[in-house]
């Protein structure tokens, strides 16, 4: 069973989803792949996991790096889980390129190379935005590329992590 809770943030409404194990989703309303893989039989109810996710978001949107992580329950293909694991290691306030993630995936899988486009597909389908920081992934030349939550939000999330106010 999945449980949901709606949260207001400085960047718009957020839908949180969790099961008994951990957080299963965090989406901005209206984003690409909104509520992707949300159980149709979900219930709106507060849980300890959802409470921890709200606390994490409150610290984050106050412009500070949270020093805790709510329990996560990520479900995806083995490739997606590998990419999402790499995303979780991107330090607060820093960025990484799709190409660099592809190199790390290739290294971990013992392959000579990996497609940055395949990595981009996995990054784009991340179901736990912000906490699994897909917004920290940029193009090879440092350009801001793709974000399921929208480019304006991506810019603002990166600015927030650099200590700049969200406007």
N, C-alpha and C. Protein backbone atom coordinates (compact mmCIF):
# COMPACT_ATOMS: atom_id res chain seq x y z
N UNK A 1 0.84 -1.19 0.00
CA UNK A 1 0.00 0.00 0.00
C UNK A 1 0.88 1.24 0.00
N UNK A 2 0.51 2.20 -0.81
CA UNK A 2 1.22 3.47 -0.83
C UNK A 2 0.35 4.54 -0.18
N UNK A 3 1.03 5.46 0.48
CA UNK A 3 0.38 6.58 1.15
C UNK A 3 0.92 7.86 0.52
N UNK A 4 0.08 8.86 0.41
CA UNK A 4 0.50 10.12 -0.21
C UNK A 4 0.25 11.28 0.73
N UNK A 5 0.96 12.36 0.45
CA UNK A 5 0.76 13.61 1.18
C UNK A 5 1.14 14.75 0.24
N UNK A 6 0.35 15.81 0.23
CA UNK A 6 0.63 16.99 -0.59
C UNK A 6 1.36 18.03 0.25
N UNK A 7 2.37 18.65 -0.34
CA UNK A 7 3.20 19.64 0.34
C UNK A 7 3.31 20.87 -0.56
N UNK A 8 3.27 22.04 0.04
CA UNK A 8 3.54 23.27 -0.71
C UNK A 8 5.03 23.62 -0.52
N UNK A 9 5.68 24.01 -1.59
CA UNK A 9 7.09 24.41 -1.53
C UNK A 9 7.23 25.77 -2.21
N UNK A 10 8.39 26.41 -2.06
CA UNK A 10 8.61 27.68 -2.76
C UNK A 10 8.57 27.53 -4.29
N UNK A 11 8.67 26.29 -4.77
CA UNK A 11 8.67 26.06 -6.22
C UNK A 11 7.40 25.37 -6.70
N UNK A 12 6.38 25.35 -5.85
CA UNK A 12 5.11 24.78 -6.25
C UNK A 12 4.73 23.56 -5.44
N UNK A 13 3.56 23.04 -5.75
CA UNK A 13 3.01 21.90 -5.03
C UNK A 13 3.81 20.64 -5.33
N UNK A 14 4.01 19.84 -4.28
CA UNK A 14 4.75 18.59 -4.38
C UNK A 14 3.85 17.47 -3.88
N UNK A 15 3.91 16.34 -4.56
CA UNK A 15 3.24 15.13 -4.11
C UNK A 15 4.30 14.16 -3.60
N UNK A 16 4.14 13.73 -2.35
CA UNK A 16 5.01 12.73 -1.75
C UNK A 16 4.26 11.41 -1.72
N UNK A 17 4.98 10.30 -1.93
CA UNK A 17 4.40 8.97 -1.83
C UNK A 17 5.36 8.07 -1.06
N UNK A 18 4.81 7.18 -0.26
CA UNK A 18 5.64 6.26 0.52
C UNK A 18 4.87 4.97 0.75
N UNK A 19 5.63 3.92 1.04
CA UNK A 19 5.04 2.68 1.51
C UNK A 19 5.60 2.39 2.89
N UNK A 20 5.43 1.18 3.37
CA UNK A 20 5.90 0.84 4.71
C UNK A 20 7.42 0.87 4.80
N UNK A 21 8.12 0.73 3.68
CA UNK A 21 9.58 0.66 3.67
C UNK A 21 10.24 2.04 3.58
N UNK A 22 9.70 2.92 2.74
CA UNK A 22 10.32 4.22 2.55
C UNK A 22 9.60 5.07 1.52
N UNK A 23 10.22 6.20 1.22
CA UNK A 23 9.69 7.15 0.25
C UNK A 23 9.78 6.52 -1.14
N UNK A 24 8.67 6.54 -1.87
CA UNK A 24 8.64 5.95 -3.21
C UNK A 24 8.51 7.00 -4.31
N UNK A 25 8.13 8.22 -3.94
CA UNK A 25 7.97 9.25 -4.96
C UNK A 25 7.97 10.65 -4.38
N UNK A 26 8.50 11.57 -5.14
CA UNK A 26 8.46 13.00 -4.83
C UNK A 26 8.42 13.71 -6.17
N UNK A 27 7.25 14.26 -6.50
CA UNK A 27 7.05 14.90 -7.79
C UNK A 27 6.48 16.30 -7.61
N UNK A 28 6.95 17.23 -8.46
CA UNK A 28 6.29 18.53 -8.56
C UNK A 28 5.01 18.31 -9.37
N UNK A 29 3.91 18.91 -8.91
CA UNK A 29 2.67 18.77 -9.67
C UNK A 29 2.87 19.28 -11.09
N UNK A 30 2.41 18.48 -12.04
CA UNK A 30 2.48 18.85 -13.44
C UNK A 30 3.79 18.50 -14.12
N UNK A 31 4.75 17.97 -13.39
CA UNK A 31 6.03 17.64 -14.02
C UNK A 31 5.87 16.45 -14.95
N UNK A 32 6.83 16.28 -15.83
CA UNK A 32 6.87 15.12 -16.72
C UNK A 32 6.94 13.87 -15.84
N UNK A 33 6.22 12.84 -16.20
CA UNK A 33 6.16 11.57 -15.47
C UNK A 33 5.57 11.75 -14.06
N UNK A 34 4.70 12.74 -13.90
CA UNK A 34 4.07 12.99 -12.60
C UNK A 34 3.38 11.72 -12.09
N UNK A 35 3.66 11.37 -10.84
CA UNK A 35 3.08 10.22 -10.15
C UNK A 35 3.32 8.91 -10.90
N UNK A 36 4.43 8.86 -11.64
CA UNK A 36 4.81 7.66 -12.37
C UNK A 36 4.95 6.50 -11.39
N UNK A 37 4.25 5.44 -11.65
CA UNK A 37 4.27 4.21 -10.83
C UNK A 37 3.62 4.38 -9.46
N UNK A 38 2.80 5.40 -9.30
CA UNK A 38 2.03 5.52 -8.06
C UNK A 38 0.93 4.47 -8.08
N UNK A 39 0.83 3.70 -7.01
CA UNK A 39 -0.17 2.65 -6.89
C UNK A 39 -1.57 3.27 -7.00
N UNK A 40 -2.41 2.78 -7.91
CA UNK A 40 -3.76 3.34 -8.04
C UNK A 40 -4.58 3.20 -6.76
N UNK A 41 -4.19 2.31 -5.89
CA UNK A 41 -4.90 2.07 -4.64
C UNK A 41 -4.30 2.84 -3.46
N UNK A 42 -3.66 3.97 -3.72
CA UNK A 42 -3.01 4.75 -2.66
C UNK A 42 -4.04 5.45 -1.75
N UNK A 43 -3.55 5.83 -0.56
CA UNK A 43 -4.39 6.50 0.43
C UNK A 43 -3.68 7.75 0.92
N UNK A 44 -4.44 8.83 1.08
CA UNK A 44 -3.87 10.05 1.65
C UNK A 44 -3.85 9.88 3.17
N UNK A 45 -2.64 9.74 3.71
CA UNK A 45 -2.48 9.55 5.15
C UNK A 45 -1.04 9.88 5.51
N UNK A 46 -0.85 10.48 6.67
CA UNK A 46 0.49 10.81 7.13
C UNK A 46 1.14 9.55 7.71
N UNK A 47 2.43 9.42 7.45
CA UNK A 47 3.21 8.30 7.99
C UNK A 47 4.53 8.86 8.49
N UNK A 48 5.27 8.12 9.30
CA UNK A 48 6.59 8.60 9.74
C UNK A 48 7.53 8.90 8.57
N UNK A 49 7.48 8.10 7.53
CA UNK A 49 8.34 8.34 6.36
C UNK A 49 7.97 9.66 5.69
N UNK A 50 6.69 9.89 5.51
CA UNK A 50 6.25 11.15 4.87
C UNK A 50 6.59 12.34 5.76
N UNK A 51 6.48 12.18 7.06
CA UNK A 51 6.86 13.25 7.98
C UNK A 51 8.36 13.56 7.85
N UNK A 52 9.18 12.53 7.77
CA UNK A 52 10.63 12.76 7.60
C UNK A 52 10.93 13.44 6.27
N UNK A 53 10.22 13.06 5.22
CA UNK A 53 10.42 13.70 3.92
C UNK A 53 10.04 15.18 3.99
N UNK A 54 8.94 15.51 4.66
CA UNK A 54 8.55 16.92 4.82
C UNK A 54 9.60 17.68 5.62
N UNK A 55 10.13 17.08 6.67
CA UNK A 55 11.19 17.73 7.46
C UNK A 55 12.43 17.96 6.60
N UNK A 56 12.79 16.97 5.80
CA UNK A 56 13.94 17.10 4.90
C UNK A 56 13.73 18.28 3.96
N UNK A 57 12.54 18.36 3.35
CA UNK A 57 12.23 19.45 2.41
C UNK A 57 12.25 20.80 3.11
N UNK A 58 11.77 20.88 4.33
CA UNK A 58 11.78 22.15 5.08
C UNK A 58 13.21 22.63 5.28
N UNK A 59 14.10 21.74 5.67
CA UNK A 59 15.52 22.11 5.85
C UNK A 59 16.10 22.53 4.50
N UNK A 60 15.86 21.75 3.48
CA UNK A 60 16.40 22.02 2.14
C UNK A 60 15.94 23.39 1.62
N UNK A 61 14.63 23.64 1.68
CA UNK A 61 14.11 24.90 1.15
C UNK A 61 14.45 26.09 2.04
N UNK A 62 14.96 25.85 3.24
CA UNK A 62 15.48 26.93 4.08
C UNK A 62 16.91 27.29 3.68
N UNK A 63 17.43 26.58 2.65
CA UNK A 63 18.76 26.90 2.13
C UNK A 63 19.89 26.18 2.84
N UNK A 64 19.56 25.09 3.54
CA UNK A 64 20.60 24.33 4.24
C UNK A 64 20.63 22.90 3.72
N UNK A 65 21.80 22.29 3.79
CA UNK A 65 21.92 20.89 3.41
C UNK A 65 21.39 20.01 4.55
N UNK A 66 20.38 19.21 4.29
CA UNK A 66 19.87 18.33 5.35
C UNK A 66 20.95 17.33 5.78
N UNK A 67 21.02 17.06 7.08
CA UNK A 67 22.03 16.12 7.58
C UNK A 67 21.42 14.75 7.86
N UNK A 68 20.26 14.49 7.28
CA UNK A 68 19.59 13.20 7.41
C UNK A 68 18.89 12.90 6.10
N UNK A 69 18.50 11.67 5.93
CA UNK A 69 17.79 11.25 4.73
C UNK A 69 16.60 10.40 5.15
N UNK A 70 15.41 10.71 4.65
CA UNK A 70 14.30 9.82 4.96
C UNK A 70 14.57 8.46 4.31
N UNK A 71 14.00 7.38 4.85
CA UNK A 71 14.19 6.09 4.21
C UNK A 71 13.63 6.13 2.78
N UNK A 72 14.37 5.57 1.84
CA UNK A 72 13.96 5.54 0.44
C UNK A 72 13.63 4.11 0.04
N UNK A 73 12.63 3.96 -0.81
CA UNK A 73 12.29 2.67 -1.38
C UNK A 73 12.16 2.86 -2.89
N UNK A 74 13.31 2.81 -3.54
CA UNK A 74 13.34 3.06 -4.98
C UNK A 74 13.09 1.77 -5.73
N UNK A 75 12.21 1.84 -6.70
CA UNK A 75 11.90 0.69 -7.54
C UNK A 75 12.15 1.09 -8.99
N UNK A 76 12.90 0.27 -9.69
CA UNK A 76 13.19 0.53 -11.09
C UNK A 76 13.99 -0.63 -11.65
N UNK A 77 14.44 -0.48 -12.87
CA UNK A 77 15.27 -1.51 -13.48
C UNK A 77 16.64 -1.50 -12.81
N UNK A 78 17.41 -2.56 -12.94
CA UNK A 78 18.76 -2.55 -12.38
C UNK A 78 19.59 -1.37 -12.90
N UNK A 79 19.44 -1.03 -14.18
CA UNK A 79 20.16 0.11 -14.75
C UNK A 79 19.73 1.41 -14.09
N UNK A 80 18.42 1.63 -13.97
CA UNK A 80 17.92 2.84 -13.31
C UNK A 80 18.44 2.93 -11.88
N UNK A 81 18.37 1.83 -11.15
CA UNK A 81 18.82 1.84 -9.76
C UNK A 81 20.31 2.17 -9.66
N UNK A 82 21.10 1.69 -10.61
CA UNK A 82 22.52 2.01 -10.63
C UNK A 82 22.73 3.51 -10.85
N UNK A 83 22.03 4.07 -11.83
CA UNK A 83 22.14 5.51 -12.12
C UNK A 83 21.64 6.33 -10.93
N UNK A 84 20.51 5.95 -10.35
CA UNK A 84 19.96 6.70 -9.22
C UNK A 84 20.88 6.63 -8.01
N UNK A 85 21.59 5.51 -7.86
CA UNK A 85 22.58 5.40 -6.78
C UNK A 85 23.72 6.38 -6.97
N UNK A 86 24.13 6.57 -8.22
CA UNK A 86 25.19 7.55 -8.52
C UNK A 86 24.68 8.97 -8.23
N UNK A 87 23.43 9.24 -8.60
CA UNK A 87 22.85 10.56 -8.32
C UNK A 87 22.91 10.89 -6.83
N UNK A 88 22.65 9.89 -6.00
CA UNK A 88 22.61 10.12 -4.56
C UNK A 88 23.99 10.50 -4.00
N UNK A 89 25.03 10.23 -4.76
CA UNK A 89 26.40 10.54 -4.30
C UNK A 89 26.89 11.92 -4.75
N UNK A 90 26.08 12.64 -5.54
CA UNK A 90 26.47 13.98 -5.98
C UNK A 90 26.37 14.92 -4.78
N UNK A 91 27.48 15.54 -4.39
CA UNK A 91 27.44 16.41 -3.21
C UNK A 91 26.50 17.62 -3.40
N UNK A 92 25.91 18.03 -2.32
CA UNK A 92 25.06 19.22 -2.26
C UNK A 92 25.84 20.41 -2.83
N UNK A 93 25.19 21.15 -3.72
CA UNK A 93 25.80 22.34 -4.29
C UNK A 93 26.75 22.07 -5.44
N UNK A 94 26.92 20.82 -5.84
CA UNK A 94 27.80 20.48 -6.95
C UNK A 94 26.99 19.88 -8.09
N UNK A 95 27.62 19.80 -9.25
CA UNK A 95 26.96 19.21 -10.42
C UNK A 95 27.88 18.16 -11.04
N UNK A 96 27.29 17.35 -11.89
CA UNK A 96 28.01 16.31 -12.63
C UNK A 96 27.37 16.24 -14.01
N UNK A 97 28.12 15.81 -15.00
CA UNK A 97 27.57 15.70 -16.35
C UNK A 97 26.99 14.30 -16.59
N UNK A 98 26.10 14.24 -17.57
CA UNK A 98 25.56 12.95 -17.99
C UNK A 98 26.70 12.05 -18.44
N UNK A 99 27.68 12.63 -19.14
CA UNK A 99 28.83 11.86 -19.61
C UNK A 99 29.63 11.25 -18.48
N UNK A 100 29.82 12.02 -17.41
CA UNK A 100 30.58 11.51 -16.26
C UNK A 100 29.82 10.37 -15.58
N UNK A 101 28.50 10.50 -15.49
CA UNK A 101 27.70 9.41 -14.93
C UNK A 101 27.82 8.18 -15.82
N UNK A 102 27.77 8.37 -17.15
CA UNK A 102 27.91 7.25 -18.09
C UNK A 102 29.26 6.56 -17.89
N UNK A 103 30.32 7.34 -17.68
CA UNK A 103 31.64 6.75 -17.43
C UNK A 103 31.62 5.91 -16.16
N UNK A 104 30.96 6.41 -15.11
CA UNK A 104 30.89 5.68 -13.85
C UNK A 104 30.05 4.41 -13.98
N UNK A 105 28.96 4.48 -14.74
CA UNK A 105 28.15 3.29 -14.98
C UNK A 105 28.99 2.25 -15.73
N UNK A 106 29.69 2.67 -16.77
CA UNK A 106 30.54 1.75 -17.54
C UNK A 106 31.60 1.12 -16.64
N UNK A 107 32.21 1.93 -15.79
CA UNK A 107 33.24 1.41 -14.88
C UNK A 107 32.65 0.35 -13.96
N UNK A 108 31.50 0.66 -13.36
CA UNK A 108 30.88 -0.27 -12.42
C UNK A 108 30.42 -1.56 -13.09
N UNK A 109 30.03 -1.46 -14.37
CA UNK A 109 29.55 -2.64 -15.08
C UNK A 109 30.67 -3.35 -15.85
N UNK A 110 31.88 -2.79 -15.82
CA UNK A 110 33.00 -3.40 -16.54
C UNK A 110 32.87 -3.29 -18.05
N UNK A 111 32.27 -2.20 -18.52
CA UNK A 111 32.08 -1.98 -19.95
C UNK A 111 33.05 -0.92 -20.46
N UNK A 112 33.40 -0.97 -21.75
CA UNK A 112 34.31 0.05 -22.29
C UNK A 112 33.67 1.44 -22.35
N UNK A 113 32.35 1.50 -22.53
CA UNK A 113 31.66 2.80 -22.57
C UNK A 113 30.18 2.59 -22.30
N UNK A 114 29.49 3.69 -22.04
CA UNK A 114 28.05 3.68 -21.79
C UNK A 114 27.48 4.93 -22.43
N UNK A 115 26.30 4.83 -22.94
CA UNK A 115 25.63 5.95 -23.60
C UNK A 115 25.15 6.99 -22.60
N UNK A 116 25.55 8.24 -22.82
CA UNK A 116 25.06 9.33 -21.99
C UNK A 116 23.55 9.51 -22.19
N UNK A 117 23.05 9.18 -23.38
CA UNK A 117 21.61 9.29 -23.63
C UNK A 117 20.84 8.27 -22.79
N UNK A 118 21.38 7.05 -22.65
CA UNK A 118 20.72 6.04 -21.81
C UNK A 118 20.70 6.51 -20.37
N UNK A 119 21.80 7.11 -19.93
CA UNK A 119 21.86 7.67 -18.58
C UNK A 119 20.80 8.76 -18.44
N UNK A 120 20.69 9.61 -19.44
CA UNK A 120 19.69 10.69 -19.41
C UNK A 120 18.28 10.15 -19.26
N UNK A 121 17.98 9.04 -19.91
CA UNK A 121 16.66 8.42 -19.77
C UNK A 121 16.40 7.97 -18.34
N UNK A 122 17.41 7.37 -17.72
CA UNK A 122 17.26 6.91 -16.33
C UNK A 122 17.14 8.11 -15.39
N UNK A 123 17.95 9.13 -15.61
CA UNK A 123 17.90 10.34 -14.77
C UNK A 123 16.51 10.97 -14.87
N UNK A 124 15.99 11.07 -16.07
CA UNK A 124 14.69 11.69 -16.30
C UNK A 124 13.54 10.95 -15.65
N UNK A 125 13.70 9.65 -15.42
CA UNK A 125 12.63 8.85 -14.81
C UNK A 125 12.82 8.66 -13.30
N UNK A 126 13.73 9.42 -12.71
CA UNK A 126 13.91 9.40 -11.26
C UNK A 126 12.59 9.77 -10.61
N UNK A 127 12.12 8.92 -9.69
CA UNK A 127 10.81 9.14 -9.07
C UNK A 127 10.89 9.91 -7.77
N UNK A 128 12.10 10.20 -7.30
CA UNK A 128 12.22 10.90 -6.01
C UNK A 128 13.05 12.18 -6.25
N UNK A 129 12.44 13.14 -6.91
CA UNK A 129 13.12 14.40 -7.23
C UNK A 129 13.66 15.07 -5.97
N UNK A 130 14.65 15.90 -6.16
CA UNK A 130 15.30 16.72 -5.14
C UNK A 130 16.11 15.86 -4.18
N UNK A 131 15.47 14.93 -3.46
CA UNK A 131 16.20 14.10 -2.50
C UNK A 131 17.19 13.21 -3.24
N UNK A 132 16.78 12.63 -4.36
CA UNK A 132 17.71 11.96 -5.28
C UNK A 132 17.96 13.02 -6.36
N UNK A 133 19.09 13.73 -6.24
CA UNK A 133 19.26 15.03 -6.91
C UNK A 133 19.54 15.00 -8.41
N UNK A 134 18.52 14.64 -9.19
CA UNK A 134 18.67 14.64 -10.64
C UNK A 134 18.85 16.06 -11.18
N UNK A 135 18.46 17.07 -10.40
CA UNK A 135 18.63 18.46 -10.84
C UNK A 135 20.11 18.86 -10.90
N UNK A 136 20.99 18.08 -10.30
CA UNK A 136 22.43 18.38 -10.29
C UNK A 136 23.17 17.85 -11.51
N UNK A 137 22.44 17.26 -12.46
CA UNK A 137 23.06 16.72 -13.66
C UNK A 137 22.95 17.75 -14.78
N UNK A 138 24.08 18.01 -15.42
CA UNK A 138 24.15 19.04 -16.47
C UNK A 138 24.77 18.45 -17.74
N UNK A 139 24.70 19.23 -18.81
CA UNK A 139 25.29 18.82 -20.08
C UNK A 139 26.81 18.90 -20.05
N UNK A 140 27.44 18.26 -21.01
CA UNK A 140 28.89 18.17 -21.09
C UNK A 140 29.57 19.53 -21.08
N UNK A 141 28.97 20.50 -21.74
CA UNK A 141 29.58 21.84 -21.81
C UNK A 141 29.15 22.74 -20.64
N UNK A 142 28.55 22.14 -19.62
CA UNK A 142 28.11 22.91 -18.47
C UNK A 142 26.72 23.50 -18.62
N UNK A 143 26.06 23.18 -19.73
CA UNK A 143 24.73 23.75 -19.96
C UNK A 143 23.68 23.04 -19.11
N UNK A 144 22.64 23.77 -18.77
CA UNK A 144 21.51 23.18 -18.05
C UNK A 144 20.63 22.50 -19.08
N UNK A 145 20.52 21.19 -18.96
CA UNK A 145 19.72 20.44 -19.91
C UNK A 145 18.70 19.62 -19.15
N UNK A 146 17.55 19.45 -19.74
CA UNK A 146 16.49 18.60 -19.24
C UNK A 146 16.31 18.50 -17.74
N UNK A 147 15.09 18.60 -17.31
CA UNK A 147 14.70 18.34 -15.93
C UNK A 147 13.20 18.12 -15.96
N UNK A 148 12.75 16.96 -15.48
CA UNK A 148 11.33 16.62 -15.55
C UNK A 148 10.47 17.66 -14.83
N UNK A 149 11.03 18.33 -13.81
CA UNK A 149 10.29 19.35 -13.08
C UNK A 149 10.28 20.71 -13.76
N UNK A 150 11.00 20.83 -14.89
CA UNK A 150 11.07 22.09 -15.63
C UNK A 150 12.39 22.82 -15.40
N UNK A 151 12.85 23.48 -16.43
CA UNK A 151 14.15 24.14 -16.38
C UNK A 151 14.19 25.28 -15.36
N UNK A 152 13.09 25.99 -15.21
CA UNK A 152 13.06 27.08 -14.24
C UNK A 152 13.29 26.55 -12.83
N UNK A 153 12.65 25.44 -12.51
CA UNK A 153 12.86 24.83 -11.19
C UNK A 153 14.30 24.34 -11.03
N UNK A 154 14.84 23.76 -12.08
CA UNK A 154 16.23 23.27 -12.01
C UNK A 154 17.17 24.42 -11.68
N UNK A 155 17.01 25.54 -12.38
CA UNK A 155 17.85 26.72 -12.11
C UNK A 155 17.72 27.16 -10.65
N UNK A 156 16.48 27.20 -10.17
CA UNK A 156 16.23 27.66 -8.80
C UNK A 156 16.78 26.69 -7.76
N UNK A 157 16.68 25.40 -8.00
CA UNK A 157 17.23 24.42 -7.06
C UNK A 157 18.74 24.55 -6.99
N UNK A 158 19.40 24.70 -8.14
CA UNK A 158 20.85 24.86 -8.16
C UNK A 158 21.27 26.16 -7.49
N UNK A 159 20.50 27.23 -7.72
CA UNK A 159 20.80 28.51 -7.08
C UNK A 159 20.65 28.40 -5.57
N UNK A 160 19.60 27.74 -5.11
CA UNK A 160 19.37 27.55 -3.68
C UNK A 160 20.57 26.86 -3.04
N UNK A 161 21.11 25.84 -3.70
CA UNK A 161 22.24 25.10 -3.17
C UNK A 161 23.53 25.92 -3.17
N UNK A 162 23.56 26.96 -3.96
CA UNK A 162 24.73 27.85 -3.98
C UNK A 162 24.57 29.01 -2.99
N UNK A 163 23.46 28.96 -2.21
CA UNK A 163 23.23 30.00 -1.21
C UNK A 163 22.51 31.21 -1.73
N UNK A 164 21.91 31.09 -2.93
CA UNK A 164 21.16 32.20 -3.51
C UNK A 164 19.68 32.03 -3.22
N UNK A 165 18.98 33.12 -3.09
CA UNK A 165 17.55 33.08 -2.78
C UNK A 165 16.78 32.59 -4.00
N UNK A 166 15.68 31.91 -3.74
CA UNK A 166 14.77 31.51 -4.81
C UNK A 166 13.84 32.69 -5.08
N UNK A 167 13.85 33.14 -6.33
CA UNK A 167 12.96 34.26 -6.69
C UNK A 167 12.00 33.85 -7.77
